Amino acid sequence: MADVIGATIAATGLTDAFGVLGSGNLIVTNALCAGGARFHHARHEGGAICMADGYARVSGRVGVCSVHQGPGLTNLMTG
């Protein structure tokens, strides 16, 4: 299921995604990359969401952020 979600998002023309890899988002992130998106790894989820936000504001495109569940998701809210 996660591979279908990643492939579907990539098929929309997504060129860049941001985030921190973990076991909970590895499959979807791999599918994004297989679909042609570049993945920009951050050291912290709060930084990753700020990167995606800045990308969206500057480029006018959708900013996508992929993080691990649990603490990864709560760290994301900091940004």
N, C-alpha and C. Protein backbone atom coordinates (compact mmCIF):
# COMPACT_ATOMS: atom_id res chain seq x y z
N MET A 1 0.81 -1.19 0.00
CA MET A 1 0.00 0.00 0.00
C MET A 1 0.86 1.26 0.00
N ALA A 2 1.91 1.28 0.83
CA ALA A 2 2.77 2.47 0.90
C ALA A 2 3.46 2.73 -0.42
N ASP A 3 3.83 1.67 -1.15
CA ASP A 3 4.48 1.87 -2.44
C ASP A 3 3.53 2.48 -3.46
N VAL A 4 2.26 2.14 -3.38
CA VAL A 4 1.25 2.72 -4.27
C VAL A 4 1.06 4.21 -3.95
N ILE A 5 1.04 4.54 -2.68
CA ILE A 5 0.89 5.94 -2.26
C ILE A 5 2.07 6.76 -2.77
N GLY A 6 3.29 6.27 -2.57
CA GLY A 6 4.48 6.98 -3.04
C GLY A 6 4.50 7.13 -4.55
N ALA A 7 4.17 6.07 -5.26
CA ALA A 7 4.15 6.12 -6.72
C ALA A 7 3.08 7.08 -7.23
N THR A 8 1.94 7.12 -6.57
CA THR A 8 0.85 8.02 -6.97
C THR A 8 1.25 9.48 -6.76
N ILE A 9 1.88 9.77 -5.64
CA ILE A 9 2.33 11.14 -5.38
C ILE A 9 3.39 11.54 -6.40
N ALA A 10 4.32 10.64 -6.69
CA ALA A 10 5.38 10.93 -7.67
C ALA A 10 4.78 11.16 -9.05
N ALA A 11 3.73 10.44 -9.39
CA ALA A 11 3.10 10.56 -10.71
C ALA A 11 2.45 11.92 -10.93
N THR A 12 2.23 12.68 -9.87
CA THR A 12 1.64 14.01 -10.02
C THR A 12 2.66 15.02 -10.54
N GLY A 13 3.92 14.60 -10.67
CA GLY A 13 4.96 15.50 -11.15
C GLY A 13 5.84 16.03 -10.05
N LEU A 14 5.74 15.47 -8.86
CA LEU A 14 6.56 15.89 -7.74
C LEU A 14 8.04 15.74 -8.10
N THR A 15 8.82 16.79 -7.85
CA THR A 15 10.25 16.73 -8.17
C THR A 15 11.14 16.66 -6.94
N ASP A 16 10.66 17.14 -5.80
CA ASP A 16 11.48 17.18 -4.59
C ASP A 16 10.63 16.82 -3.37
N ALA A 17 11.25 16.06 -2.47
CA ALA A 17 10.61 15.72 -1.20
C ALA A 17 11.67 15.87 -0.11
N PHE A 18 11.23 16.13 1.09
CA PHE A 18 12.12 16.38 2.21
C PHE A 18 11.73 15.47 3.36
N GLY A 19 12.66 15.19 4.26
CA GLY A 19 12.28 14.39 5.41
C GLY A 19 13.43 13.70 6.10
N VAL A 20 13.05 12.81 7.00
CA VAL A 20 13.96 11.97 7.75
C VAL A 20 13.47 10.53 7.58
N LEU A 21 14.35 9.65 7.13
CA LEU A 21 13.94 8.27 6.90
C LEU A 21 13.86 7.47 8.18
N GLY A 22 12.92 6.55 8.21
CA GLY A 22 12.74 5.61 9.30
C GLY A 22 12.03 4.39 8.77
N SER A 23 11.85 3.39 9.59
CA SER A 23 11.20 2.16 9.12
C SER A 23 9.75 2.41 8.72
N GLY A 24 9.13 3.43 9.29
CA GLY A 24 7.73 3.71 9.00
C GLY A 24 7.47 4.43 7.69
N ASN A 25 8.49 5.03 7.08
CA ASN A 25 8.27 5.76 5.85
C ASN A 25 9.24 5.37 4.74
N LEU A 26 10.02 4.31 4.95
CA LEU A 26 11.01 3.91 3.97
C LEU A 26 10.38 3.49 2.64
N ILE A 27 9.33 2.71 2.68
CA ILE A 27 8.72 2.21 1.44
C ILE A 27 8.11 3.34 0.63
N VAL A 28 7.38 4.23 1.27
CA VAL A 28 6.76 5.33 0.54
C VAL A 28 7.82 6.28 -0.02
N THR A 29 8.88 6.51 0.74
CA THR A 29 9.95 7.39 0.28
C THR A 29 10.71 6.75 -0.88
N ASN A 30 10.97 5.46 -0.82
CA ASN A 30 11.61 4.76 -1.93
C ASN A 30 10.76 4.84 -3.19
N ALA A 31 9.44 4.72 -3.04
CA ALA A 31 8.54 4.82 -4.19
C ALA A 31 8.55 6.23 -4.78
N LEU A 32 8.63 7.24 -3.93
CA LEU A 32 8.74 8.63 -4.42
C LEU A 32 10.00 8.78 -5.28
N CYS A 33 11.11 8.26 -4.78
CA CYS A 33 12.38 8.37 -5.50
C CYS A 33 12.36 7.55 -6.79
N ALA A 34 11.77 6.38 -6.74
CA ALA A 34 11.67 5.55 -7.94
C ALA A 34 10.82 6.23 -9.00
N GLY A 35 9.89 7.08 -8.56
CA GLY A 35 9.04 7.83 -9.48
C GLY A 35 9.68 9.10 -10.00
N GLY A 36 10.93 9.35 -9.61
CA GLY A 36 11.65 10.49 -10.15
C GLY A 36 11.86 11.66 -9.21
N ALA A 37 11.34 11.59 -8.00
CA ALA A 37 11.51 12.69 -7.04
C ALA A 37 12.89 12.60 -6.39
N ARG A 38 13.48 13.75 -6.12
CA ARG A 38 14.72 13.80 -5.35
C ARG A 38 14.36 13.93 -3.89
N PHE A 39 15.06 13.18 -3.04
CA PHE A 39 14.80 13.22 -1.61
C PHE A 39 15.93 13.97 -0.93
N HIS A 40 15.57 15.01 -0.17
CA HIS A 40 16.54 15.82 0.56
C HIS A 40 16.41 15.48 2.04
N HIS A 41 17.43 14.81 2.56
CA HIS A 41 17.41 14.31 3.92
C HIS A 41 17.78 15.41 4.91
N ALA A 42 17.03 15.49 5.99
CA ALA A 42 17.31 16.44 7.07
C ALA A 42 17.75 15.67 8.31
N ARG A 43 18.35 16.36 9.24
CA ARG A 43 18.78 15.71 10.49
C ARG A 43 17.67 15.65 11.53
N HIS A 44 16.66 16.51 11.36
CA HIS A 44 15.56 16.57 12.33
C HIS A 44 14.27 16.85 11.58
N GLU A 45 13.18 16.29 12.06
CA GLU A 45 11.89 16.45 11.40
C GLU A 45 11.44 17.91 11.36
N GLY A 46 11.74 18.67 12.42
CA GLY A 46 11.37 20.08 12.42
C GLY A 46 12.06 20.83 11.29
N GLY A 47 13.32 20.49 11.04
CA GLY A 47 14.05 21.09 9.94
C GLY A 47 13.51 20.65 8.60
N ALA A 48 13.11 19.39 8.50
CA ALA A 48 12.58 18.85 7.24
C ALA A 48 11.30 19.57 6.82
N ILE A 49 10.41 19.82 7.78
CA ILE A 49 9.16 20.50 7.42
C ILE A 49 9.41 21.96 7.06
N CYS A 50 10.40 22.57 7.71
CA CYS A 50 10.76 23.94 7.35
C CYS A 50 11.35 23.99 5.95
N MET A 51 12.13 22.97 5.59
CA MET A 51 12.67 22.88 4.23
C MET A 51 11.55 22.76 3.20
N ALA A 52 10.57 21.90 3.49
CA ALA A 52 9.45 21.71 2.57
C ALA A 52 8.61 22.99 2.47
N ASP A 53 8.43 23.67 3.59
CA ASP A 53 7.67 24.92 3.60
C ASP A 53 8.40 25.99 2.80
N GLY A 54 9.69 26.14 3.03
CA GLY A 54 10.48 27.13 2.28
C GLY A 54 10.48 26.83 0.79
N TYR A 55 10.61 25.55 0.44
CA TYR A 55 10.57 25.14 -0.96
C TYR A 55 9.24 25.54 -1.60
N ALA A 56 8.16 25.28 -0.89
CA ALA A 56 6.84 25.61 -1.42
C ALA A 56 6.67 27.12 -1.60
N ARG A 57 7.12 27.89 -0.64
CA ARG A 57 6.98 29.35 -0.71
C ARG A 57 7.80 29.95 -1.85
N VAL A 58 9.01 29.43 -2.05
CA VAL A 58 9.89 29.99 -3.08
C VAL A 58 9.53 29.50 -4.48
N SER A 59 9.20 28.22 -4.60
CA SER A 59 8.96 27.63 -5.92
C SER A 59 7.52 27.72 -6.39
N GLY A 60 6.58 27.86 -5.44
CA GLY A 60 5.16 27.83 -5.82
C GLY A 60 4.65 26.42 -6.04
N ARG A 61 5.45 25.42 -5.75
CA ARG A 61 5.05 24.02 -5.90
C ARG A 61 4.67 23.46 -4.54
N VAL A 62 4.14 22.27 -4.53
CA VAL A 62 3.75 21.63 -3.28
C VAL A 62 4.99 21.14 -2.55
N GLY A 63 5.09 21.45 -1.27
CA GLY A 63 6.19 20.96 -0.44
C GLY A 63 5.77 19.66 0.23
N VAL A 64 6.56 18.61 0.03
CA VAL A 64 6.24 17.29 0.59
C VAL A 64 7.29 16.91 1.62
N CYS A 65 6.83 16.40 2.75
CA CYS A 65 7.72 15.99 3.82
C CYS A 65 7.33 14.59 4.28
N SER A 66 8.31 13.69 4.35
CA SER A 66 8.08 12.31 4.75
C SER A 66 8.87 12.03 6.03
N VAL A 67 8.17 11.60 7.08
CA VAL A 67 8.83 11.31 8.35
C VAL A 67 8.31 10.01 8.94
N HIS A 68 9.01 9.51 9.92
CA HIS A 68 8.66 8.30 10.66
C HIS A 68 7.48 8.61 11.59
N GLN A 69 6.68 7.61 11.89
CA GLN A 69 5.53 7.80 12.78
C GLN A 69 5.97 8.04 14.22
N GLY A 70 5.05 8.38 15.06
CA GLY A 70 5.33 8.58 16.49
C GLY A 70 6.12 9.84 16.74
N PRO A 71 7.30 9.71 17.35
CA PRO A 71 8.09 10.91 17.68
C PRO A 71 8.47 11.71 16.43
N GLY A 72 8.66 11.03 15.30
CA GLY A 72 8.97 11.75 14.06
C GLY A 72 7.84 12.70 13.70
N LEU A 73 6.62 12.25 13.85
CA LEU A 73 5.47 13.08 13.53
C LEU A 73 5.33 14.22 14.53
N THR A 74 5.54 13.96 15.80
CA THR A 74 5.42 15.05 16.79
C THR A 74 6.55 16.05 16.63
N ASN A 75 7.75 15.61 16.26
CA ASN A 75 8.84 16.55 15.98
C ASN A 75 8.53 17.41 14.77
N LEU A 76 7.80 16.86 13.84
CA LEU A 76 7.40 17.61 12.63
C LEU A 76 6.57 18.83 13.00
N MET A 77 5.75 18.70 14.00
CA MET A 77 4.86 19.81 14.39
C MET A 77 5.63 21.01 14.92
N THR A 78 6.85 20.81 15.39
CA THR A 78 7.65 21.91 15.88
C THR A 78 7.92 22.93 14.78
N GLY A 79 8.20 22.43 13.59
CA GLY A 79 8.45 23.32 12.46
C GLY A 79 7.21 24.01 11.99
